[in-house]
Amino acid sequence: MSYIVGRVSVLIPLYNRASYILETIQSVLGQDYPDIELIVIDDGSTDGGDVLVEQFANRGELQLLRHPGRINKGQAAALNLGLAIATGEFIAVLDSDDLYVPGKISKQVAFFRENPDVGLVYGNGKGIDAVGNVIYEINYDNRVERSDPNDVLLDCYFLLPQNSLVRASVYQQAGNFDESLRSGQDHDMLIRLAEQTKIAHQSIDSFRYRRHGDSISAKGTETRWRCGLIILDKAAKRYPYKSSTLRKRRALVNFRLAHALYQKKANRFEMLWRLLVAGVLDPLRSLAVLTGKEKVK
């Protein structure tokens, strides 16, 4: 990756988001920062969303990339295609149905200039519904950011897409997105970035996170948590995490997987086994859930 100092490369992986992609693109093009390289990577869309993007590409407002044969290879492969040609000093990833708040990029670049030891900065935002109505706040102002990879692995408490801006040099250190994962690749990357650099929170309103019935986060819960176990195993081999962190994270992922299986009414034997594993690994938290002191999300 050879980058131009000061430029921000925004990567948008696109797969069947014709209803939202135009608004998403406009939220980037409408930023007040003077040097933005916008790269949209189509991942084999079949709803015409990529055709809508072509009008911007034809005007030179963005680059539109496609896989050979316009096949679907997954979000990780799409993002890696974008990373391969990105020339910015900073990298931002935006899902194709989410939005940037005006001024988001300029404020985060200014933060980097004032804090040269920070490699990743994230802000606050709001969750919105399919038509853009605010449905909840996403606010980290009360959290003390310790920039500890153990915290990120255990709680995954903020989103890598949408609200974050990352130095391109940190992506170089962390490596590409894991294309073997069909879910949770953003969580995996966030963990690997946190292992490489200091992270910081900036108290600004920076993004809108869209929740709707067809969103990736609303689908594939079982797959997400099975990938979570793979991500955890790789992290344990790669970085010297505390044993308590690994134990508690493994308990959490097993519990979430058991809950996903319960919701699907599938494989009750595995569901009970996963619950047992979670209870053995983290009995205090399991007891809190069983007694109603902690709600299942």
Protein backbone atom coordinates (compact mmCIF):
# COMPACT_ATOMS: atom_id res chain seq x y z
CA MET A 1 0.00 0.00 0.00
CA SER A 2 1.56 3.29 -1.14
CA TYR A 3 -0.33 6.26 0.28
CA ILE A 4 -0.61 10.00 -0.25
CA VAL A 5 -0.16 12.00 2.96
CA GLY A 6 -3.37 13.61 4.17
CA ARG A 7 -5.75 11.68 1.94
CA VAL A 8 -8.58 9.64 3.46
CA SER A 9 -9.61 6.49 1.58
CA VAL A 10 -13.21 5.47 2.29
CA LEU A 11 -14.04 1.87 1.36
CA ILE A 12 -17.67 0.84 0.85
CA PRO A 13 -18.29 -2.88 0.22
CA LEU A 14 -21.56 -3.23 -1.69
CA TYR A 15 -23.86 -6.22 -1.95
CA ASN A 16 -27.55 -5.72 -2.83
CA ARG A 17 -28.14 -2.36 -1.16
CA ALA A 18 -29.79 -0.50 -4.02
CA SER A 19 -32.27 1.08 -1.58
CA TYR A 20 -29.53 2.70 0.53
CA ILE A 21 -26.29 3.02 -1.44
CA LEU A 22 -27.03 6.43 -2.97
CA GLU A 23 -27.63 8.02 0.44
CA THR A 24 -24.53 6.31 1.81
CA ILE A 25 -22.37 7.67 -1.02
CA GLN A 26 -23.77 11.17 -0.64
CA SER A 27 -22.90 11.13 3.07
CA VAL A 28 -19.26 10.67 2.04
CA LEU A 29 -19.21 13.07 -0.91
CA GLY A 30 -20.87 15.69 1.29
CA GLN A 31 -18.01 15.71 3.81
CA ASP A 32 -16.08 18.98 4.17
CA TYR A 33 -12.66 17.31 4.07
CA PRO A 34 -10.77 18.30 0.89
CA ASP A 35 -9.03 15.03 -0.03
CA ILE A 36 -11.26 11.95 0.05
CA GLU A 37 -10.71 8.92 -2.15
CA LEU A 38 -14.01 7.02 -2.29
CA ILE A 39 -13.80 3.38 -3.38
CA VAL A 40 -16.96 1.26 -3.77
CA ILE A 41 -16.34 -2.46 -4.20
CA ASP A 42 -19.27 -4.37 -5.63
CA ASP A 43 -19.45 -7.93 -4.35
CA GLY A 44 -21.66 -9.39 -7.04
CA SER A 45 -24.84 -7.38 -6.51
CA THR A 46 -27.93 -8.63 -8.30
CA ASP A 47 -30.35 -5.81 -7.41
CA GLY A 48 -28.85 -3.10 -9.63
CA GLY A 49 -27.09 -1.28 -6.81
CA ASP A 50 -23.79 -1.37 -8.68
CA VAL A 51 -25.45 0.20 -11.72
CA LEU A 52 -26.56 3.12 -9.55
CA VAL A 53 -22.96 3.60 -8.45
CA GLU A 54 -21.72 3.72 -12.04
CA GLN A 55 -23.11 7.25 -12.50
CA PHE A 56 -20.73 8.52 -9.80
CA ALA A 57 -17.82 6.55 -11.24
CA ASN A 58 -18.48 7.96 -14.71
CA ARG A 59 -18.24 11.49 -13.26
CA GLY A 60 -14.98 10.65 -11.53
CA GLU A 61 -16.45 11.05 -8.05
CA LEU A 62 -15.45 7.55 -6.95
CA GLN A 63 -13.85 4.33 -8.09
CA LEU A 64 -16.07 1.30 -8.65
CA LEU A 65 -14.36 -2.07 -8.36
CA ARG A 66 -15.75 -5.51 -9.18
CA HIS A 67 -14.45 -9.05 -8.81
CA PRO A 68 -13.65 -10.87 -12.07
CA GLY A 69 -16.89 -12.29 -13.41
CA ARG A 70 -18.80 -10.05 -10.98
CA ILE A 71 -19.02 -12.91 -8.52
CA ASN A 72 -19.85 -12.74 -4.82
CA LYS A 73 -16.78 -13.46 -2.68
CA GLY A 74 -17.82 -12.01 0.69
CA GLN A 75 -17.24 -8.71 2.43
CA ALA A 76 -13.67 -9.52 3.51
CA ALA A 77 -12.57 -10.16 -0.09
CA ALA A 78 -14.29 -6.96 -1.22
CA LEU A 79 -12.51 -4.88 1.41
CA ASN A 80 -9.15 -6.44 0.56
CA LEU A 81 -9.69 -5.47 -3.07
CA GLY A 82 -10.23 -1.88 -1.94
CA LEU A 83 -7.26 -1.89 0.45
CA ALA A 84 -5.01 -3.05 -2.38
CA ILE A 85 -5.52 0.17 -4.34
CA ALA A 86 -6.21 2.67 -1.53
CA THR A 87 -3.75 5.59 -1.53
CA GLY A 88 -4.86 7.42 1.61
CA GLU A 89 -2.83 8.05 4.74
CA PHE A 90 -6.02 7.11 6.60
CA ILE A 91 -8.54 4.33 5.93
CA ALA A 92 -12.26 4.40 6.71
CA VAL A 93 -14.75 1.58 6.12
CA LEU A 94 -18.45 2.32 5.71
CA ASP A 95 -21.17 -0.30 5.27
CA SER A 96 -23.35 0.30 2.23
CA ASP A 97 -26.49 1.08 4.24
CA ASP A 98 -24.92 3.32 6.91
CA LEU A 99 -24.13 7.04 6.90
CA TYR A 100 -21.46 9.55 7.91
CA VAL A 101 -22.45 12.68 9.80
CA PRO A 102 -21.21 15.93 8.20
CA GLY A 103 -17.75 16.85 9.48
CA LYS A 104 -16.93 13.34 10.65
CA ILE A 105 -13.78 12.87 8.60
CA SER A 106 -12.28 16.34 9.11
CA LYS A 107 -12.72 16.10 12.89
CA GLN A 108 -11.12 12.68 13.08
CA VAL A 109 -8.15 13.69 10.90
CA ALA A 110 -7.68 16.74 13.15
CA PHE A 111 -7.66 14.40 16.14
CA PHE A 112 -4.89 12.35 14.55
CA ARG A 113 -2.82 15.48 13.90
CA GLU A 114 -3.12 16.41 17.58
CA ASN A 115 -2.45 12.82 18.76
CA PRO A 116 0.32 11.31 16.61
CA ASP A 117 0.63 8.28 18.91
CA VAL A 118 -2.95 7.17 18.16
CA GLY A 119 -3.55 4.80 15.25
CA LEU A 120 -7.33 4.33 15.51
CA VAL A 121 -9.99 6.80 16.65
CA TYR A 122 -13.72 6.23 17.04
CA GLY A 123 -16.69 8.46 17.83
CA ASN A 124 -20.33 8.38 18.87
CA GLY A 125 -23.38 7.90 16.69
CA LYS A 126 -27.01 6.88 16.47
CA GLY A 127 -28.89 3.79 15.36
CA ILE A 128 -31.54 4.48 12.73
CA ASP A 129 -34.33 2.47 11.13
CA ALA A 130 -34.87 1.72 7.45
CA VAL A 131 -36.18 5.22 6.70
CA GLY A 132 -33.67 7.11 8.81
CA ASN A 133 -35.53 7.64 12.07
CA VAL A 134 -33.28 7.62 15.14
CA ILE A 135 -34.10 4.62 17.34
CA TYR A 136 -31.25 4.67 19.88
CA GLU A 137 -28.03 6.42 20.90
CA ILE A 138 -24.54 4.94 20.52
CA ASN A 139 -22.47 6.90 23.01
CA TYR A 140 -19.11 6.04 24.56
CA ASP A 141 -18.53 9.25 26.53
CA ASN A 142 -18.82 7.51 29.89
CA ARG A 143 -16.34 4.79 29.00
CA VAL A 144 -12.70 5.09 30.03
CA GLU A 145 -10.70 4.08 26.96
CA ARG A 146 -7.65 2.15 28.17
CA SER A 147 -6.48 1.07 24.71
CA ASP A 148 -6.12 -2.47 25.99
CA PRO A 149 -6.51 -5.31 23.45
CA ASN A 150 -7.98 -7.43 26.26
CA ASP A 151 -10.93 -5.01 26.51
CA VAL A 152 -11.54 -5.12 22.76
CA LEU A 153 -11.40 -8.91 22.57
CA LEU A 154 -13.66 -9.39 25.57
CA ASP A 155 -16.40 -6.87 24.83
CA CYS A 156 -16.03 -5.68 21.20
CA TYR A 157 -17.50 -2.47 22.53
CA PHE A 158 -17.33 -0.28 19.42
CA LEU A 159 -17.76 -0.71 15.67
CA LEU A 160 -14.84 -0.76 13.25
CA PRO A 161 -16.91 0.35 10.27
CA GLN A 162 -19.06 3.49 10.48
CA ASN A 163 -17.42 5.36 13.34
CA SER A 164 -13.69 4.57 13.09
CA LEU A 165 -10.79 6.08 11.20
CA VAL A 166 -7.49 4.17 11.06
CA ARG A 167 -4.00 5.05 9.88
CA ALA A 168 -3.13 3.10 6.73
CA SER A 169 0.19 2.13 8.31
CA VAL A 170 -1.71 0.25 11.04
CA TYR A 171 -3.65 -1.73 8.44
CA GLN A 172 -0.31 -2.64 6.88
CA GLN A 173 0.83 -4.02 10.24
CA ALA A 174 -2.42 -5.90 10.91
CA GLY A 175 -2.72 -7.48 7.45
CA ASN A 176 -5.74 -8.09 5.24
CA PHE A 177 -9.27 -8.99 6.28
CA ASP A 178 -9.65 -12.73 6.83
CA GLU A 179 -11.42 -14.06 3.73
CA SER A 180 -12.08 -17.42 5.36
CA LEU A 181 -14.65 -15.71 7.61
CA ARG A 182 -18.13 -15.17 6.17
CA SER A 183 -19.20 -13.29 9.28
CA GLY A 184 -17.45 -11.27 11.96
CA GLN A 185 -14.57 -10.18 9.72
CA ASP A 186 -14.89 -6.60 10.98
CA HIS A 187 -14.68 -7.81 14.60
CA ASP A 188 -11.62 -9.88 13.74
CA MET A 189 -9.94 -6.89 12.11
CA LEU A 190 -10.77 -4.62 15.03
CA ILE A 191 -9.07 -7.06 17.40
CA ARG A 192 -5.96 -7.22 15.20
CA LEU A 193 -5.78 -3.43 14.87
CA ALA A 194 -6.06 -3.03 18.64
CA GLU A 195 -3.11 -5.40 19.02
CA GLN A 196 -1.01 -3.10 16.82
CA THR A 197 -1.76 0.45 17.93
CA LYS A 198 -3.09 2.86 20.51
CA ILE A 199 -6.84 3.46 20.14
CA ALA A 200 -8.78 6.50 21.35
CA HIS A 201 -12.33 7.81 21.64
CA GLN A 202 -13.33 11.23 20.31
CA SER A 203 -16.52 12.71 21.67
CA ILE A 204 -18.19 13.64 18.39
CA ASP A 205 -21.39 12.59 16.62
CA SER A 206 -19.92 10.76 13.64
CA PHE A 207 -22.21 8.12 12.09
CA ARG A 208 -25.63 6.57 11.64
CA TYR A 209 -25.92 2.79 11.96
CA ARG A 210 -28.92 1.49 10.05
CA ARG A 211 -30.93 -1.40 11.48
CA HIS A 212 -33.46 -3.12 9.23
CA GLY A 213 -34.73 -6.62 8.60
CA ASP A 214 -32.37 -7.23 5.70
CA SER A 215 -29.22 -5.96 7.43
CA ILE A 216 -26.25 -8.29 7.84
CA SER A 217 -26.46 -7.86 11.61
CA ALA A 218 -30.05 -9.13 11.58
CA LYS A 219 -29.12 -12.34 9.76
CA GLY A 220 -26.83 -15.27 10.34
CA THR A 221 -26.61 -15.11 14.14
CA GLU A 222 -25.48 -18.71 14.43
CA THR A 223 -22.82 -18.22 11.75
CA ARG A 224 -21.59 -15.06 13.46
CA TRP A 225 -20.97 -16.80 16.78
CA ARG A 226 -19.40 -19.89 15.17
CA CYS A 227 -17.00 -17.52 13.44
CA GLY A 228 -16.53 -15.89 16.84
CA LEU A 229 -14.99 -19.10 18.14
CA ILE A 230 -12.61 -19.21 15.17
CA ILE A 231 -11.64 -15.58 15.72
CA LEU A 232 -11.00 -16.26 19.40
CA ASP A 233 -8.80 -19.27 18.68
CA LYS A 234 -6.69 -17.28 16.23
CA ALA A 235 -6.36 -14.37 18.65
CA ALA A 236 -5.20 -16.69 21.44
CA LYS A 237 -2.42 -18.04 19.22
CA ARG A 238 -1.38 -14.59 17.98
CA TYR A 239 -1.25 -12.34 21.06
CA PRO A 240 -0.49 -12.79 24.80
CA TYR A 241 -3.99 -12.18 26.11
CA LYS A 242 -4.78 -12.68 29.79
CA SER A 243 -6.09 -16.16 30.53
CA SER A 244 -9.12 -14.59 32.23
CA THR A 245 -9.92 -12.64 29.06
CA LEU A 246 -9.80 -15.76 26.89
CA ARG A 247 -11.87 -17.76 29.37
CA LYS A 248 -14.58 -15.12 29.71
CA ARG A 249 -14.74 -14.47 25.97
CA ARG A 250 -15.04 -18.19 25.27
CA ALA A 251 -17.86 -18.41 27.80
CA LEU A 252 -19.66 -15.47 26.18
CA VAL A 253 -19.36 -16.83 22.64
CA ASN A 254 -20.58 -20.26 23.71
CA PHE A 255 -23.55 -18.69 25.47
CA ARG A 256 -24.44 -16.53 22.45
CA LEU A 257 -24.19 -19.55 20.18
CA ALA A 258 -26.45 -21.54 22.50
CA HIS A 259 -28.96 -18.70 22.42
CA ALA A 260 -28.84 -18.61 18.61
CA LEU A 261 -29.49 -22.35 18.47
CA TYR A 262 -32.39 -21.95 20.91
CA GLN A 263 -33.96 -19.26 18.73
CA LYS A 264 -33.66 -21.48 15.66
CA LYS A 265 -35.03 -24.47 17.60
CA ALA A 266 -32.11 -26.45 16.19
CA ASN A 267 -29.68 -28.97 17.63
CA ARG A 268 -30.86 -28.97 21.24
CA PHE A 269 -28.03 -31.27 22.30
CA GLU A 270 -25.39 -28.79 21.13
CA MET A 271 -27.37 -25.93 22.68
CA LEU A 272 -27.27 -27.61 26.10
CA TRP A 273 -23.60 -28.46 25.68
CA ARG A 274 -22.76 -24.83 24.82
CA LEU A 275 -24.68 -23.61 27.86
CA LEU A 276 -22.79 -26.04 30.06
CA VAL A 277 -19.44 -24.86 28.69
CA ALA A 278 -20.41 -21.22 29.26
CA GLY A 279 -21.47 -21.98 32.82
CA VAL A 280 -18.23 -23.75 33.66
CA LEU A 281 -16.04 -21.03 32.13
CA ASP A 282 -17.83 -18.04 33.65
CA PRO A 283 -20.24 -19.15 36.41
CA LEU A 284 -20.81 -15.67 37.88
CA ARG A 285 -22.01 -14.17 34.62
CA SER A 286 -24.09 -17.26 33.84
CA LEU A 287 -25.78 -16.92 37.22
CA ALA A 288 -26.49 -13.26 36.53
CA VAL A 289 -28.23 -14.18 33.27
CA LEU A 290 -30.23 -17.02 34.86
CA THR A 291 -31.41 -14.74 37.71
CA GLY A 292 -32.35 -11.91 35.35
CA LYS A 293 -29.69 -9.49 36.57
CA GLU A 294 -28.18 -9.44 33.06
CA LYS A 295 -30.37 -9.50 29.97
CA VAL A 296 -29.57 -11.52 26.87
CA LYS A 297 -28.98 -9.17 23.96
